[in-house]
C-alpha atoms as a PDB file:
ATOM      1  CA  MET A   1     176.493 -39.704 100.850  1.00  0.00           C
ATOM      2  CA  SER A   2     173.882 -42.346 101.656  1.00  0.00           C
ATOM      3  CA  THR A   3     170.966 -39.925 101.041  1.00  0.00           C
ATOM      4  CA  LEU A   4     172.386 -39.250  97.601  1.00  0.00           C
ATOM      5  CA  ASN A   5     172.377 -42.980  96.856  1.00  0.00           C
ATOM      6  CA  VAL A   6     168.769 -43.230  98.078  1.00  0.00           C
ATOM      7  CA  PHE A   7     167.750 -40.504  95.643  1.00  0.00           C
ATOM      8  CA  ARG A   8     169.661 -42.147  92.810  1.00  0.00           C
ATOM      9  CA  TYR A   9     168.097 -45.548  93.348  1.00  0.00           C
ATOM     10  CA  SER A  10     164.669 -44.011  93.869  1.00  0.00           C
ATOM     11  CA  ALA A  11     165.006 -42.171  90.546  1.00  0.00           C
ATOM     12  CA  LEU A  12     166.180 -45.389  88.883  1.00  0.00           C
ATOM     13  CA  VAL A  13     163.193 -47.378  90.195  1.00  0.00           C
ATOM     14  CA  ALA A  14     160.781 -44.568  89.267  1.00  0.00           C
ATOM     15  CA  GLY A  15     162.231 -44.466  85.739  1.00  0.00           C
ATOM     16  CA  ILE A  16     161.924 -48.227  85.323  1.00  0.00           C
ATOM     17  CA  LEU A  17     158.317 -48.183  86.554  1.00  0.00           C
ATOM     18  CA  TYR A  18     157.459 -45.273  84.266  1.00  0.00           C
ATOM     19  CA  GLY A  19     159.063 -47.011  81.294  1.00  0.00           C
ATOM     20  CA  PHE A  20     157.172 -50.224  82.020  1.00  0.00           C
ATOM     21  CA  THR A  21     153.785 -48.503  82.309  1.00  0.00           C
ATOM     22  CA  HIS A  22     154.451 -46.374  79.226  1.00  0.00           C
ATOM     23  CA  ASP A  23     155.388 -49.478  77.246  1.00  0.00           C
ATOM     24  CA  LEU A  24     152.147 -51.191  78.319  1.00  0.00           C
ATOM     25  CA  THR A  25     150.145 -48.131  77.288  1.00  0.00           C
ATOM     26  CA  LEU A  26     151.772 -48.003  73.850  1.00  0.00           C
ATOM     27  CA  LYS A  27     151.165 -51.719  73.301  1.00  0.00           C
ATOM     28  CA  ALA A  28     147.497 -51.365  74.281  1.00  0.00           C
ATOM     29  CA  GLU A  29     147.027 -48.423  71.898  1.00  0.00           C
ATOM     30  CA  ALA A  30     148.692 -50.339  69.063  1.00  0.00           C
ATOM     31  CA  ALA A  31     146.469 -53.368  69.652  1.00  0.00           C
ATOM     32  CA  LYS A  32     143.373 -51.170  69.732  1.00  0.00           C
ATOM     33  CA  LYS A  33     144.395 -49.456  66.486  1.00  0.00           C
ATOM     34  CA  LYS A  34     145.082 -52.807  64.807  1.00  0.00           C
ATOM     35  CA  GLU A  35     141.673 -54.084  65.912  1.00  0.00           C
ATOM     36  CA  GLU A  36     139.979 -50.952  64.517  1.00  0.00           C
ATOM     37  CA  VAL A  37     141.753 -51.359  61.166  1.00  0.00           C
ATOM     38  CA  GLU A  38     140.623 -54.994  60.934  1.00  0.00           C
ATOM     39  CA  TYR A  39     137.056 -53.980  61.799  1.00  0.00           C
ATOM     40  CA  GLN A  40     137.045 -51.285  59.101  1.00  0.00           C
ATOM     41  CA  LYS A  41     138.294 -53.832  56.553  1.00  0.00           C
ATOM     42  CA  LYS A  42     135.409 -56.139  57.476  1.00  0.00           C
ATOM     43  CA  VAL A  43     132.885 -53.291  57.221  1.00  0.00           C
ATOM     44  CA  LYS A  44     134.233 -52.330  53.797  1.00  0.00           C
ATOM     45  CA  LEU A  45     134.088 -55.946  52.612  1.00  0.00           C
ATOM     46  CA  ILE A  46     130.485 -56.284  53.798  1.00  0.00           C
ATOM     47  CA  ALA A  47     129.505 -53.056  52.029  1.00  0.00           C
ATOM     48  CA  GLU A  48     131.106 -54.274  48.798  1.00  0.00           C
ATOM     49  CA  ALA A  49     129.310 -57.611  49.102  1.00  0.00           C
ATOM     50  CA  LYS A  50     125.968 -55.872  49.624  1.00  0.00           C
ATOM     51  CA  ALA A  51     126.541 -53.669  46.575  1.00  0.00           C
ATOM     52  CA  GLU A  52     127.483 -56.677  44.460  1.00  0.00           C
ATOM     53  CA  TYR A  53     124.412 -58.580  45.668  1.00  0.00           C
ATOM     54  CA  LYS A  54     122.182 -55.645  44.698  1.00  0.00           C
ATOM     55  CA  LYS A  55     123.750 -55.658  41.229  1.00  0.00           C
ATOM     56  CA  LEU A  56     123.191 -59.378  40.790  1.00  0.00           C
ATOM     57  CA  HIS A  57     119.682 -59.456  42.303  1.00  0.00           C
ATOM     58  CA  PRO A  58     117.774 -56.335  41.224  1.00  0.00           C
ATOM     59  CA  VAL A  59     114.472 -55.600  42.938  1.00  0.00           C
ATOM     60  CA  ALA A  60     111.518 -56.394  40.698  1.00  0.00           C
ATOM     61  CA  GLN A  61     109.116 -53.510  40.262  1.00  0.00           C
ATOM     62  CA  SER A  62     105.465 -54.434  40.650  1.00  0.00           C
ATOM     63  CA  SER A  63     103.340 -53.629  37.639  1.00  0.00           C
ATOM     64  CA  THR A  64     100.097 -53.463  39.628  1.00  0.00           C
ATOM     65  CA  LYS A  65      99.485 -49.999  41.030  1.00  0.00           C
ATOM     66  CA  PHE A  66      97.308 -49.451  44.015  1.00  0.00           C
ATOM     67  CA  ASP A  67      94.791 -46.705  43.264  1.00  0.00           C
ATOM     68  CA  LEU A  68      91.573 -46.615  45.294  1.00  0.00           C
ATOM     69  CA  GLU A  69      89.873 -44.352  42.750  1.00  0.00           C
ATOM     70  CA  ASP A  70      90.180 -46.906  39.926  1.00  0.00           C
ATOM     71  CA  PRO A  71      86.800 -48.589  39.310  1.00  0.00           C
ATOM     72  CA  ASN A  72      88.488 -51.650  37.753  1.00  0.00           C
ATOM     73  CA  LEU A  73      90.705 -52.291  40.789  1.00  0.00           C
ATOM     74  CA  ASP A  74      91.121 -55.973  41.590  1.00  0.00           C
ATOM     75  CA  PHE A  75      92.067 -56.302  45.266  1.00  0.00           C
ATOM     76  CA  GLY A  76      93.066 -59.934  44.791  1.00  0.00           C
ATOM     77  CA  LYS A  77      95.739 -59.073  42.229  1.00  0.00           C
ATOM     78  CA  VAL A  78      97.018 -56.221  44.375  1.00  0.00           C
ATOM     79  CA  VAL A  79      97.354 -58.449  47.441  1.00  0.00           C
ATOM     80  CA  GLU A  80      99.017 -61.215  45.411  1.00  0.00           C
ATOM     81  CA  SER A  81     101.509 -58.795  43.883  1.00  0.00           C
ATOM     82  CA  TYR A  82     102.473 -57.442  47.299  1.00  0.00           C
ATOM     83  CA  ILE A  83     102.851 -60.975  48.683  1.00  0.00           C
ATOM     84  CA  THR A  84     105.119 -61.985  45.814  1.00  0.00           C
ATOM     85  CA  SER A  85     107.159 -58.821  46.247  1.00  0.00           C
ATOM     86  CA  LEU A  86     107.649 -59.697  49.924  1.00  0.00           C
ATOM     87  CA  ASP A  87     108.748 -63.243  49.060  1.00  0.00           C
ATOM     88  CA  ASN A  88     111.554 -61.971  46.815  1.00  0.00           C
END
């Protein structure tokens, strides 16, 4: 009869240990999933902010074209236009 009790208590301890480790695993997965959801919300918010910024601050197109074949090309104006486009 005592070997039967040893098996019973061994099964009880094994079940408790399994339940404890399984509970820890589920909690870790839930925390990881919650963290991923929060990260995706932040990424979405940043993307929306970037899109809104592009709407509010459109990129100015430079009117000076750079063509080496043009005999009337003014290198000073070309350089100035590229510098101003970099400043914006």
